Amino acid sequence: MDTGIDLLNSVFSSAAEGIVISNAKGTITMANPKSEEMFGYGQGEMIGLTIEDLIPINFKKDHSKLRDSYINHPSPRPMGIGRDLQGLRKDGGVFPLEIGLSFFKQDDAKYVAAFVTDITERKKIEERLADYTNQLEQKVRERTQELEHLNLGLLRENKERIAIEERLRQSQFMYELIAKNFPKGLISILDNNYCYLFCDGKELNVQTKPEIGDHFLLKFPLDIRDVVEKQLSNASMGITSSWEYQNDGNNYVMHFVPIEDTKDKVDKILVVEEDITELKKAEIEIRANLEREKELNVMKSRFVSLASHEFRTPLSTVLSSINLISKYTTTEDQPKRDKHIQRITTAVKNLTDILNDFLSLERLESGAISSEIIELSFADLVNEIEEQMSALLKQDQKLLIKRDFNGDIIKSDPKLLKNIVINLVSNAIKYSDEGKEITLDFKLEDQWIFVKVIDQGIGIPKEEQKNLFQRFFRAGNAVNIQGTGLGLHIVKKYVDLLDGSLDLKSEQNEGTTITVNIPHE
């Protein structure tokens, strides 16, 4: 019993995000250390405050109505996506945040659990990215306008040959000046035949600088020349365009700008190439972080929803059994006490299994679990599994162990191997009735470990088998049996870590056979 409660308290206390629980009136009843740190309060100081005490004054006005509306129509939901939410610290400071809400009841009282994430750093990154993008766009516009105005002015004022030559020299100087100060890019001027009149810039993505008169398309691979030529053709017709491409793992954007003479006829094309590799990486990283945060918020909501549902039955069992045990005070009542102690033990095990599933999933998703290959005795591992699983069998269930291996010493990860088999056998026990037989077949052959788990349980509907390894999925015929829907997903992750494979065959009401193949040294 203590183990399940300790694990729950450990998850609450060590959570990486703030967790604040309030009653129907908005009074805070629980707050974990992360939330106290986030809002600048000492240990226990947030208890008794209202949710409105954590909200800046300009957001407080209608919050109580929104809170009452949520209490009357509760559902797990994320908040802050697409909106700017702010939290109020004890010292009066404000900070940006996102919130996930979940609703639950305890002893007919209504509570709301808020999962709070401080997104200050993410906001700073987004602002820096936006500033950098705006600066790049502004520089391109400024450089383009300067070049267009300069050429148009030179051509229109070019009445004498000496003046024309002088202004051309000025143009060349301006091209060079702009190119040498253009960040991570290349400035090119082309004639109507797409040949270079000028080319210079920083960090050129070419082995040698193009010569005046070289054809612009020659520097591109054959498979993309048609695309570039189309952009050049549009520029020749007075159309400005941009095009992104990749080369040697880097990202570039190319701007094509028509340059007109004094008769409003396009006689040159300005091509501005920018290296946007770092910008793309930052964009991809931000998008990935946003997706991870969204996924974590969904997982948190699923956890609270599932936990509030799955914890209710075992907790009720523990409470009722404790109340009944207190009434059995005589020696003759010992069998009754033993019965309720067993009920409490089973309920706590269910709670522990649920928490273990979520902790295992969190560690797998964060990359905290990896394989650690060592030399071990396969026979000893099998014996440990047999001893542990025999104690979990239902009444009159039988566990048949088959061993088919001549050698004994292998190299693999014993923890992952053991977790894979224990998860599969636990499922077989859970979904099989009393008196049924469960077969566990171990085999070593060449450099492979074969483990087969066969049960005579409820089986899995054919149409649902393709979804079995997804997170939180439970077959339609198993909804009345307690579980998280994470067991097979976690097993698949463990098997993947060991470069193995997994095969499942099942018939509804006849049983399930799962075979795991894992290489060993």
Protein backbone atom coordinates (compact mmCIF):
# COMPACT_ATOMS: atom_id res chain seq x y z
CA MET A 1 0.00 0.00 0.00
CA ASP A 2 2.78 2.44 1.01
CA THR A 3 4.69 1.61 -2.18
CA GLY A 4 1.91 2.89 -4.46
CA ILE A 5 1.36 6.06 -2.42
CA ASP A 6 5.12 6.71 -2.20
CA LEU A 7 5.43 6.34 -5.97
CA LEU A 8 2.51 8.73 -6.53
CA ASN A 9 4.02 11.29 -4.14
CA SER A 10 7.40 10.87 -5.84
CA VAL A 11 5.89 11.56 -9.28
CA PHE A 12 4.05 14.63 -7.90
CA SER A 13 7.10 16.01 -6.09
CA SER A 14 9.68 15.40 -8.82
CA ALA A 15 7.59 16.43 -11.85
CA ALA A 16 9.48 18.71 -14.27
CA GLU A 17 6.41 20.98 -14.67
CA GLY A 18 4.36 22.74 -12.03
CA ILE A 19 1.23 20.91 -10.78
CA VAL A 20 -1.41 22.96 -8.94
CA ILE A 21 -4.61 21.34 -7.64
CA SER A 22 -7.59 23.52 -6.66
CA ASN A 23 -11.14 22.89 -5.49
CA ALA A 24 -14.37 24.04 -7.13
CA LYS A 25 -14.03 27.52 -5.55
CA GLY A 26 -10.56 28.00 -6.98
CA THR A 27 -8.77 27.55 -3.63
CA ILE A 28 -5.39 25.84 -3.99
CA THR A 29 -5.24 22.56 -2.03
CA MET A 30 -1.96 21.13 -3.34
CA ALA A 31 1.09 22.54 -5.16
CA ASN A 32 4.25 20.63 -6.04
CA PRO A 33 7.79 22.06 -5.50
CA LYS A 34 8.17 23.00 -9.17
CA SER A 35 5.06 25.19 -9.10
CA GLU A 36 6.22 26.88 -5.86
CA GLU A 37 9.59 27.60 -7.49
CA MET A 38 7.91 28.84 -10.68
CA PHE A 39 5.62 31.32 -8.85
CA GLY A 40 8.28 32.31 -6.26
CA TYR A 41 6.61 30.90 -3.14
CA GLY A 42 8.16 28.97 -0.26
CA GLN A 43 7.16 25.44 0.71
CA GLY A 44 3.43 25.29 1.51
CA GLU A 45 2.83 29.04 0.96
CA MET A 46 0.55 28.47 -2.03
CA ILE A 47 -1.92 26.32 -0.05
CA GLY A 48 -5.04 28.38 0.66
CA LEU A 49 -4.39 30.94 -2.09
CA THR A 50 -6.85 31.17 -4.97
CA ILE A 51 -6.02 30.54 -8.59
CA GLU A 52 -6.71 34.24 -9.21
CA ASP A 53 -3.75 35.08 -6.93
CA LEU A 54 -1.49 33.58 -9.62
CA ILE A 55 -2.98 35.66 -12.48
CA PRO A 56 -1.90 39.23 -13.46
CA ILE A 57 -4.52 41.86 -12.61
CA ASN A 58 -5.42 42.59 -16.25
CA PHE A 59 -6.48 38.92 -16.70
CA LYS A 60 -8.36 38.45 -13.37
CA LYS A 61 -11.65 40.14 -14.24
CA ASP A 62 -13.46 37.28 -16.00
CA HIS A 63 -11.36 34.37 -14.75
CA SER A 64 -13.77 33.27 -11.99
CA LYS A 65 -16.56 32.94 -14.61
CA LEU A 66 -14.29 30.87 -16.86
CA ARG A 67 -13.31 28.68 -13.87
CA ASP A 68 -16.97 28.10 -12.91
CA SER A 69 -17.79 27.25 -16.53
CA TYR A 70 -14.99 24.68 -16.62
CA ILE A 71 -16.12 23.09 -13.30
CA ASN A 72 -19.66 22.75 -14.70
CA HIS A 73 -18.48 21.37 -18.05
CA PRO A 74 -15.11 19.70 -17.35
CA SER A 75 -12.88 18.02 -19.91
CA PRO A 76 -9.07 17.58 -20.25
CA ARG A 77 -7.81 20.49 -22.33
CA PRO A 78 -4.61 22.38 -23.16
CA MET A 79 -4.57 26.17 -22.67
CA GLY A 80 -2.34 28.83 -24.14
CA ILE A 81 -1.85 27.29 -27.62
CA GLY A 82 -2.18 30.29 -29.93
CA ARG A 83 -2.70 32.65 -26.96
CA ASP A 84 -0.35 34.54 -24.66
CA LEU A 85 -1.04 33.45 -21.06
CA GLN A 86 0.91 34.93 -18.14
CA GLY A 87 1.50 33.94 -14.53
CA LEU A 88 1.98 36.29 -11.53
CA ARG A 89 4.88 35.57 -9.19
CA LYS A 90 4.80 36.38 -5.47
CA ASP A 91 7.16 39.36 -6.05
CA GLY A 92 4.79 40.83 -8.67
CA GLY A 93 6.78 39.69 -11.69
CA VAL A 94 4.98 38.07 -14.64
CA PHE A 95 6.13 35.30 -16.97
CA PRO A 96 4.68 33.53 -20.06
CA LEU A 97 3.23 30.07 -19.55
CA GLU A 98 1.08 27.30 -21.02
CA ILE A 99 -1.42 25.32 -18.99
CA GLY A 100 -3.06 21.90 -19.34
CA LEU A 101 -6.22 21.30 -17.30
CA SER A 102 -7.77 18.07 -16.05
CA PHE A 103 -10.77 17.46 -13.85
CA PHE A 104 -11.37 14.82 -11.17
CA LYS A 105 -13.57 14.07 -8.18
CA GLN A 106 -12.60 12.85 -4.70
CA ASP A 107 -15.26 12.05 -2.10
CA ASP A 108 -17.87 13.89 -4.24
CA ALA A 109 -15.72 17.04 -4.18
CA LYS A 110 -14.66 18.57 -7.51
CA TYR A 111 -11.00 19.36 -8.20
CA VAL A 112 -9.01 20.75 -11.10
CA ALA A 113 -5.38 19.79 -11.77
CA ALA A 114 -3.40 22.43 -13.68
CA PHE A 115 -0.12 21.43 -15.36
CA VAL A 116 1.94 24.64 -15.73
CA THR A 117 4.88 25.05 -18.13
CA ASP A 118 7.16 28.13 -18.05
CA ILE A 119 7.78 29.01 -21.73
CA THR A 120 10.02 32.04 -21.11
CA GLU A 121 13.02 30.57 -22.94
CA ARG A 122 10.94 29.40 -25.90
CA LYS A 123 9.46 32.91 -26.26
CA LYS A 124 12.95 34.41 -26.28
CA ILE A 125 14.05 32.00 -29.05
CA GLU A 126 10.95 32.83 -31.13
CA GLU A 127 11.57 36.55 -30.73
CA ARG A 128 15.22 36.21 -31.73
CA LEU A 129 14.25 34.14 -34.77
CA ALA A 130 11.62 36.69 -35.82
CA ASP A 131 14.09 39.57 -35.40
CA TYR A 132 16.74 37.76 -37.43
CA THR A 133 14.27 36.96 -40.20
CA ASN A 134 13.04 40.57 -40.35
CA GLN A 135 16.62 41.87 -40.46
CA LEU A 136 17.50 39.55 -43.36
CA GLU A 137 14.38 40.52 -45.30
CA GLN A 138 15.01 44.22 -44.68
CA LYS A 139 18.63 43.95 -45.87
CA VAL A 140 17.56 42.18 -49.05
CA ARG A 141 14.93 44.85 -49.74
CA GLU A 142 17.39 47.65 -49.06
CA ARG A 143 20.13 46.12 -51.22
CA THR A 144 17.68 45.37 -54.04
CA GLN A 145 16.24 48.88 -53.99
CA GLU A 146 19.69 50.44 -53.96
CA LEU A 147 20.76 48.39 -56.97
CA GLU A 148 17.56 49.11 -58.90
CA HIS A 149 17.66 52.85 -58.18
CA LEU A 150 21.35 53.04 -58.99
CA ASN A 151 21.02 51.29 -62.36
CA LEU A 152 17.87 53.16 -63.36
CA GLY A 153 19.45 56.47 -62.39
CA LEU A 154 22.64 55.70 -64.30
CA LEU A 155 20.81 54.63 -67.45
CA ARG A 156 18.39 57.56 -67.48
CA GLU A 157 21.09 60.15 -66.90
CA ASN A 158 23.51 58.52 -69.30
CA LYS A 159 23.59 61.13 -72.09
CA GLU A 160 27.28 61.16 -72.76
CA ARG A 161 29.71 58.28 -73.15
CA ILE A 162 32.12 59.50 -70.50
CA ALA A 163 29.30 59.88 -68.00
CA ILE A 164 28.06 56.35 -68.87
CA GLU A 165 31.49 54.81 -68.30
CA GLU A 166 31.92 56.69 -65.02
CA ARG A 167 28.58 55.58 -63.74
CA LEU A 168 29.28 52.01 -64.80
CA ARG A 169 32.45 52.12 -62.73
CA GLN A 170 30.37 53.42 -59.85
CA SER A 171 27.91 50.57 -60.35
CA GLN A 172 30.73 48.04 -60.24
CA PHE A 173 32.06 49.61 -57.09
CA MET A 174 28.57 49.53 -55.52
CA TYR A 175 28.09 45.87 -56.51
CA GLU A 176 31.37 45.00 -54.86
CA LEU A 177 30.59 47.03 -51.76
CA ILE A 178 27.18 45.40 -51.32
CA ALA A 179 28.50 41.90 -52.06
CA LYS A 180 31.38 42.15 -49.58
CA ASN A 181 29.02 43.26 -46.82
CA PHE A 182 26.19 40.88 -47.63
CA PRO A 183 25.93 38.22 -44.84
CA LYS A 184 26.36 34.58 -45.87
CA GLY A 185 25.36 35.20 -49.46
CA LEU A 186 26.23 35.93 -53.05
CA ILE A 187 25.34 38.85 -55.35
CA SER A 188 25.25 38.21 -59.13
CA ILE A 189 24.33 40.40 -62.09
CA LEU A 190 23.38 38.50 -65.29
CA ASP A 191 22.71 39.64 -68.83
CA ASN A 192 19.71 38.52 -70.89
CA ASN A 193 21.55 35.33 -71.88
CA TYR A 194 21.96 34.45 -68.18
CA CYS A 195 25.73 35.00 -68.29
CA TYR A 196 27.67 36.67 -65.46
CA LEU A 197 28.34 40.41 -65.61
CA PHE A 198 29.31 40.48 -61.95
CA CYS A 199 29.61 37.99 -59.07
CA ASP A 200 30.89 38.43 -55.50
CA GLY A 201 29.92 37.88 -51.89
CA LYS A 202 30.74 36.15 -48.61
CA GLU A 203 30.92 32.37 -48.01
CA LEU A 204 30.43 31.39 -51.64
CA ASN A 205 29.06 27.85 -52.02
CA VAL A 206 31.36 27.22 -55.01
CA GLN A 207 34.90 25.86 -55.27
CA THR A 208 36.00 28.70 -57.59
CA LYS A 209 34.50 32.10 -58.21
CA PRO A 210 32.56 32.26 -61.54
CA GLU A 211 34.26 34.16 -64.36
CA ILE A 212 32.58 37.05 -66.13
CA GLY A 213 30.82 35.56 -69.19
CA ASP A 214 30.23 32.10 -67.60
CA HIS A 215 26.68 30.80 -67.92
CA PHE A 216 24.78 30.97 -64.65
CA LEU A 217 23.03 27.57 -65.07
CA LEU A 218 26.32 25.64 -65.35
CA LYS A 219 26.86 25.67 -61.58
CA PHE A 220 23.62 23.76 -60.92
CA PRO A 221 23.04 19.97 -61.20
CA LEU A 222 21.14 18.89 -64.30
CA ASP A 223 18.03 17.82 -62.34
CA ILE A 224 17.28 21.36 -61.09
CA ARG A 225 18.43 23.50 -64.04
CA ASP A 226 14.91 23.60 -65.48
CA VAL A 227 13.59 25.08 -62.22
CA VAL A 228 16.30 27.77 -62.10
CA GLU A 229 15.85 28.58 -65.78
CA LYS A 230 12.12 29.12 -65.21
CA GLN A 231 12.87 31.65 -62.45
CA LEU A 232 15.34 33.46 -64.75
CA SER A 233 12.77 33.49 -67.56
CA ASN A 234 10.20 35.08 -65.23
CA ALA A 235 12.74 37.74 -64.22
CA SER A 236 13.40 38.48 -67.92
CA MET A 237 9.66 39.21 -68.21
CA GLY A 238 9.76 41.60 -65.25
CA ILE A 239 8.58 39.15 -62.55
CA THR A 240 10.38 39.09 -59.19
CA SER A 241 10.49 35.66 -57.51
CA SER A 242 12.25 33.61 -54.83
CA TRP A 243 13.22 29.92 -54.69
CA GLU A 244 14.66 27.71 -51.95
CA TYR A 245 17.01 24.78 -52.56
CA GLN A 246 19.50 22.49 -50.84
CA ASN A 247 23.13 21.81 -51.71
CA ASP A 248 25.59 19.62 -49.78
CA GLY A 249 23.26 19.55 -46.78
CA ASN A 250 22.89 23.35 -46.59
CA ASN A 251 19.77 25.43 -47.27
CA TYR A 252 19.74 28.45 -49.58
CA VAL A 253 17.19 30.93 -50.87
CA MET A 254 17.65 32.66 -54.23
CA HIS A 255 15.92 35.94 -55.16
CA PHE A 256 15.55 36.83 -58.87
CA VAL A 257 15.00 40.55 -59.53
CA PRO A 258 14.60 42.12 -63.02
CA ILE A 259 16.64 45.30 -63.71
CA GLU A 260 15.18 47.62 -66.34
CA ASP A 261 16.94 50.14 -68.59
CA THR A 262 15.77 53.69 -69.35
CA LYS A 263 13.19 52.34 -71.78
CA ASP A 264 11.61 50.15 -69.09
CA LYS A 265 13.02 47.05 -70.76
CA VAL A 266 14.65 44.32 -68.67
CA ASP A 267 18.29 44.11 -69.71
CA LYS A 268 19.84 42.59 -66.58
CA ILE A 269 18.86 40.20 -63.81
CA LEU A 270 19.94 40.60 -60.20
CA VAL A 271 20.33 37.28 -58.37
CA VAL A 272 20.73 37.36 -54.57
CA GLU A 273 21.64 34.04 -52.91
CA GLU A 274 21.39 33.65 -49.10
CA ASP A 275 22.59 30.88 -46.84
CA ILE A 276 19.60 30.17 -44.55
CA THR A 277 20.92 26.91 -43.09
CA GLU A 278 21.06 28.17 -39.50
CA LEU A 279 17.64 29.79 -39.83
CA LYS A 280 16.17 26.50 -41.08
CA LYS A 281 17.80 24.56 -38.26
CA ALA A 282 16.37 26.98 -35.71
CA GLU A 283 12.95 26.74 -37.34
CA ILE A 284 13.05 22.92 -37.36
CA GLU A 285 14.22 22.82 -33.74
CA ILE A 286 11.47 25.18 -32.61
CA ARG A 287 8.83 23.19 -34.49
CA ALA A 288 10.16 19.94 -32.99
CA ASN A 289 10.11 21.46 -29.50
CA LEU A 290 6.57 22.68 -30.02
CA GLU A 291 5.47 19.24 -31.19
CA ARG A 292 7.16 17.61 -28.20
CA GLU A 293 5.45 20.05 -25.85
CA LYS A 294 2.09 19.40 -27.47
CA GLU A 295 2.66 15.65 -27.19
CA LEU A 296 3.69 15.98 -23.54
CA ASN A 297 0.59 18.03 -22.78
CA VAL A 298 -1.56 15.35 -24.42
CA MET A 299 0.24 12.64 -22.41
CA LYS A 300 -0.27 14.61 -19.17
CA SER A 301 -3.97 14.99 -19.87
CA ARG A 302 -4.24 11.30 -20.73
CA PHE A 303 -2.36 10.42 -17.54
CA VAL A 304 -4.61 12.50 -15.28
CA SER A 305 -7.74 11.22 -17.02
CA LEU A 306 -6.57 7.61 -16.91
CA ALA A 307 -5.19 7.84 -13.39
CA SER A 308 -8.38 9.39 -12.01
CA HIS A 309 -10.34 6.52 -13.57
CA GLU A 310 -7.96 3.64 -12.87
CA PHE A 311 -7.02 4.77 -9.35
CA ARG A 312 -10.63 5.05 -8.21
CA THR A 313 -11.34 1.30 -7.97
CA PRO A 314 -8.16 0.17 -6.15
CA LEU A 315 -8.28 3.17 -3.80
CA SER A 316 -11.90 2.41 -2.95
CA THR A 317 -10.93 -1.22 -2.35
CA VAL A 318 -8.12 -0.19 0.01
CA LEU A 319 -10.39 2.20 1.93
CA SER A 320 -13.26 -0.26 2.35
CA SER A 321 -10.92 -3.12 3.36
CA ILE A 322 -9.15 -0.94 5.95
CA ASN A 323 -12.53 0.03 7.44
CA LEU A 324 -13.61 -3.62 7.61
CA ILE A 325 -10.30 -4.84 9.08
CA SER A 326 -10.72 -2.41 11.96
CA LYS A 327 -13.97 -4.19 12.86
CA TYR A 328 -12.41 -7.69 12.98
CA THR A 329 -10.83 -7.67 16.44
CA THR A 330 -10.95 -11.32 17.55
CA THR A 331 -8.65 -14.24 16.72
CA GLU A 332 -11.52 -15.98 14.94
CA ASP A 333 -11.68 -13.05 12.52
CA GLN A 334 -8.13 -13.67 11.20
CA PRO A 335 -9.32 -15.35 7.92
CA LYS A 336 -11.46 -12.29 7.23
CA ARG A 337 -8.52 -9.99 7.98
CA ASP A 338 -6.29 -12.06 5.67
CA LYS A 339 -8.88 -11.79 2.90
CA HIS A 340 -8.95 -7.99 3.09
CA ILE A 341 -5.16 -7.75 3.43
CA GLN A 342 -4.93 -9.71 0.17
CA ARG A 343 -7.43 -7.31 -1.44
CA ILE A 344 -5.32 -4.34 -0.29
CA THR A 345 -2.13 -6.00 -1.60
CA THR A 346 -3.74 -6.60 -5.01
CA ALA A 347 -5.08 -3.04 -5.20
CA VAL A 348 -1.69 -1.54 -4.33
CA LYS A 349 -0.05 -3.76 -6.96
CA ASN A 350 -2.49 -2.41 -9.56
CA LEU A 351 -1.61 1.16 -8.57
CA THR A 352 2.11 0.32 -8.71
CA ASP A 353 1.72 -1.27 -12.16
CA ILE A 354 0.01 1.87 -13.49
CA LEU A 355 2.71 4.17 -12.13
CA ASN A 356 5.49 1.87 -13.37
CA ASP A 357 3.99 1.92 -16.86
CA PHE A 358 3.99 5.74 -16.93
CA LEU A 359 7.48 6.01 -15.46
CA SER A 360 8.83 3.48 -18.00
CA LEU A 361 7.15 5.34 -20.87
CA GLU A 362 8.55 8.70 -19.71
CA ARG A 363 12.09 7.28 -19.50
CA LEU A 364 11.78 5.63 -22.93
CA GLU A 365 10.39 8.77 -24.58
CA SER A 366 13.14 10.94 -23.08
CA GLY A 367 15.91 8.54 -24.19
CA ALA A 368 16.95 7.80 -20.60
CA ILE A 369 16.86 4.03 -21.23
CA SER A 370 19.49 2.37 -23.41
CA SER A 371 20.75 -1.20 -23.71
CA GLU A 372 23.69 -2.27 -21.54
CA ILE A 373 25.13 -5.49 -22.93
CA ILE A 374 26.85 -7.76 -20.39
CA GLU A 375 27.67 -11.46 -20.04
CA LEU A 376 25.00 -13.39 -18.11
CA SER A 377 23.62 -16.84 -17.37
CA PHE A 378 20.48 -17.42 -19.42
CA ALA A 379 19.39 -20.27 -17.14
CA ASP A 380 19.60 -18.04 -14.06
CA LEU A 381 17.55 -15.35 -15.83
CA VAL A 382 14.84 -17.90 -16.71
CA ASN A 383 14.74 -19.15 -13.10
CA GLU A 384 14.33 -15.59 -11.77
CA ILE A 385 11.44 -14.94 -14.16
CA GLU A 386 9.75 -18.23 -13.22
CA GLU A 387 10.00 -17.50 -9.49
CA GLN A 388 8.68 -13.95 -9.85
CA MET A 389 5.76 -14.78 -12.16
CA SER A 390 4.64 -17.91 -10.26
CA ALA A 391 3.76 -15.70 -7.29
CA LEU A 392 1.37 -13.61 -9.45
CA LEU A 393 -0.76 -16.46 -10.87
CA LYS A 394 -4.51 -16.39 -10.28
CA GLN A 395 -6.22 -19.26 -8.46
CA ASP A 396 -5.53 -22.62 -10.16
CA GLN A 397 -3.61 -20.97 -13.03
CA LYS A 398 -0.51 -22.92 -14.14
CA LEU A 399 2.76 -21.58 -15.56
CA LEU A 400 4.49 -24.13 -17.82
CA ILE A 401 8.16 -23.35 -18.50
CA LYS A 402 9.94 -24.94 -21.49
CA ARG A 403 13.71 -24.74 -21.80
CA ASP A 404 15.48 -25.58 -25.05
CA PHE A 405 19.10 -24.48 -24.89
CA ASN A 406 22.42 -26.33 -24.68
CA GLY A 407 24.64 -23.36 -23.98
CA ASP A 408 23.96 -20.99 -21.14
CA ILE A 409 26.20 -17.91 -21.20
CA ILE A 410 25.01 -15.10 -23.50
CA LYS A 411 25.71 -11.39 -23.96
CA SER A 412 22.66 -9.16 -23.77
CA ASP A 413 20.87 -6.72 -21.47
CA PRO A 414 19.34 -8.73 -18.58
CA LYS A 415 17.09 -5.89 -17.37
CA LEU A 416 15.50 -5.32 -20.77
CA LEU A 417 15.13 -9.08 -21.39
CA LYS A 418 13.50 -9.57 -18.00
CA ASN A 419 11.16 -6.58 -18.44
CA ILE A 420 10.04 -7.86 -21.86
CA VAL A 421 9.15 -11.34 -20.59
CA ILE A 422 7.56 -10.12 -17.32
CA ASN A 423 5.34 -7.65 -19.19
CA LEU A 424 4.17 -10.34 -21.61
CA VAL A 425 3.51 -12.97 -18.90
CA SER A 426 1.73 -10.39 -16.71
CA ASN A 427 -0.60 -9.67 -19.63
CA ALA A 428 -1.20 -13.41 -20.13
CA ILE A 429 -2.11 -13.79 -16.43
CA LYS A 430 -4.32 -10.69 -16.43
CA TYR A 431 -6.33 -11.62 -19.53
CA SER A 432 -6.68 -15.35 -18.71
CA ASP A 433 -9.32 -16.82 -16.39
CA GLU A 434 -8.62 -18.82 -13.26
CA GLY A 435 -7.55 -22.43 -13.91
CA LYS A 436 -6.02 -21.65 -17.33
CA GLU A 437 -2.51 -22.68 -18.40
CA ILE A 438 0.17 -20.23 -19.55
CA THR A 439 3.16 -21.54 -21.48
CA LEU A 440 6.54 -19.77 -21.49
CA ASP A 441 8.94 -21.26 -24.06
CA PHE A 442 12.66 -20.27 -24.02
CA LYS A 443 15.07 -21.29 -26.78
CA LEU A 444 18.68 -20.42 -27.69
CA GLU A 445 19.73 -21.07 -31.28
CA ASP A 446 22.92 -19.78 -32.93
CA GLN A 447 23.06 -16.07 -32.05
CA TRP A 448 19.33 -15.71 -31.32
CA ILE A 449 17.11 -15.77 -28.23
CA PHE A 450 13.56 -16.98 -28.88
CA VAL A 451 10.85 -16.37 -26.26
CA LYS A 452 7.26 -17.47 -26.84
CA VAL A 453 4.37 -16.67 -24.46
CA ILE A 454 1.15 -18.66 -25.03
CA ASP A 455 -2.08 -18.07 -23.11
CA GLN A 456 -5.67 -19.29 -23.26
CA GLY A 457 -7.15 -15.89 -22.50
CA ILE A 458 -9.76 -13.64 -24.06
CA GLY A 459 -7.71 -13.04 -27.23
CA ILE A 460 -7.70 -9.92 -29.39
CA PRO A 461 -10.19 -9.05 -32.17
CA LYS A 462 -8.54 -9.30 -35.62
CA GLU A 463 -9.50 -5.80 -36.69
CA GLU A 464 -7.85 -4.27 -33.59
CA GLN A 465 -4.53 -6.15 -33.65
CA LYS A 466 -2.83 -3.57 -35.88
CA ASN A 467 -3.21 -0.93 -33.13
CA LEU A 468 -1.96 -3.01 -30.19
CA PHE A 469 1.49 -1.42 -29.95
CA GLN A 470 0.22 2.17 -29.91
CA ARG A 471 0.26 4.16 -26.68
CA PHE A 472 -2.89 3.94 -24.53
CA PHE A 473 -4.64 1.55 -26.95
CA ARG A 474 -6.88 -1.09 -25.40
CA ALA A 475 -8.91 -3.68 -27.32
CA GLY A 476 -12.67 -3.39 -27.11
CA ASN A 477 -13.04 -6.68 -25.23
CA ALA A 478 -10.58 -5.58 -22.51
CA VAL A 479 -12.13 -2.30 -21.34
CA ASN A 480 -13.53 -3.90 -18.17
CA ILE A 481 -10.09 -5.24 -17.15
CA GLN A 482 -7.87 -2.75 -15.37
CA GLY A 483 -4.88 -1.53 -17.38
CA THR A 484 -3.17 1.49 -18.95
CA GLY A 485 -2.86 0.39 -22.58
CA LEU A 486 0.93 0.94 -22.35
CA GLY A 487 2.27 -2.58 -21.72
CA LEU A 488 2.73 -3.78 -25.32
CA HIS A 489 3.90 -0.31 -26.43
CA ILE A 490 6.66 -0.46 -23.80
CA VAL A 491 7.55 -4.06 -24.76
CA LYS A 492 7.92 -3.01 -28.41
CA LYS A 493 10.25 -0.15 -27.36
CA TYR A 494 12.40 -2.57 -25.31
CA VAL A 495 12.58 -5.06 -28.21
CA ASP A 496 13.62 -2.26 -30.58
CA LEU A 497 16.42 -1.24 -28.19
CA LEU A 498 17.79 -4.80 -28.48
CA ASP A 499 17.42 -4.83 -32.31
CA GLY A 500 14.87 -7.64 -32.05
CA SER A 501 11.48 -8.36 -33.57
CA LEU A 502 8.06 -9.27 -32.24
CA ASP A 503 5.24 -11.36 -33.72
CA LEU A 504 1.67 -11.65 -32.40
CA LYS A 505 -1.03 -14.20 -33.28
CA SER A 506 -4.39 -14.17 -31.55
CA GLU A 507 -7.95 -15.47 -31.85
CA GLN A 508 -10.74 -13.93 -29.83
CA ASN A 509 -11.85 -16.17 -26.92
CA GLU A 510 -9.11 -18.70 -27.79
CA GLY A 511 -5.90 -17.03 -26.62
CA THR A 512 -2.79 -15.20 -27.76
CA THR A 513 0.73 -16.22 -28.76
CA ILE A 514 3.52 -13.63 -28.78
CA THR A 515 6.99 -14.54 -30.08
CA VAL A 516 10.05 -12.36 -29.44
CA ASN A 517 13.30 -12.82 -31.39
CA ILE A 518 16.37 -11.05 -30.02
CA PRO A 519 20.00 -11.36 -31.22
CA HIS A 520 22.73 -12.09 -28.67
CA GLU A 521 26.50 -12.25 -28.79
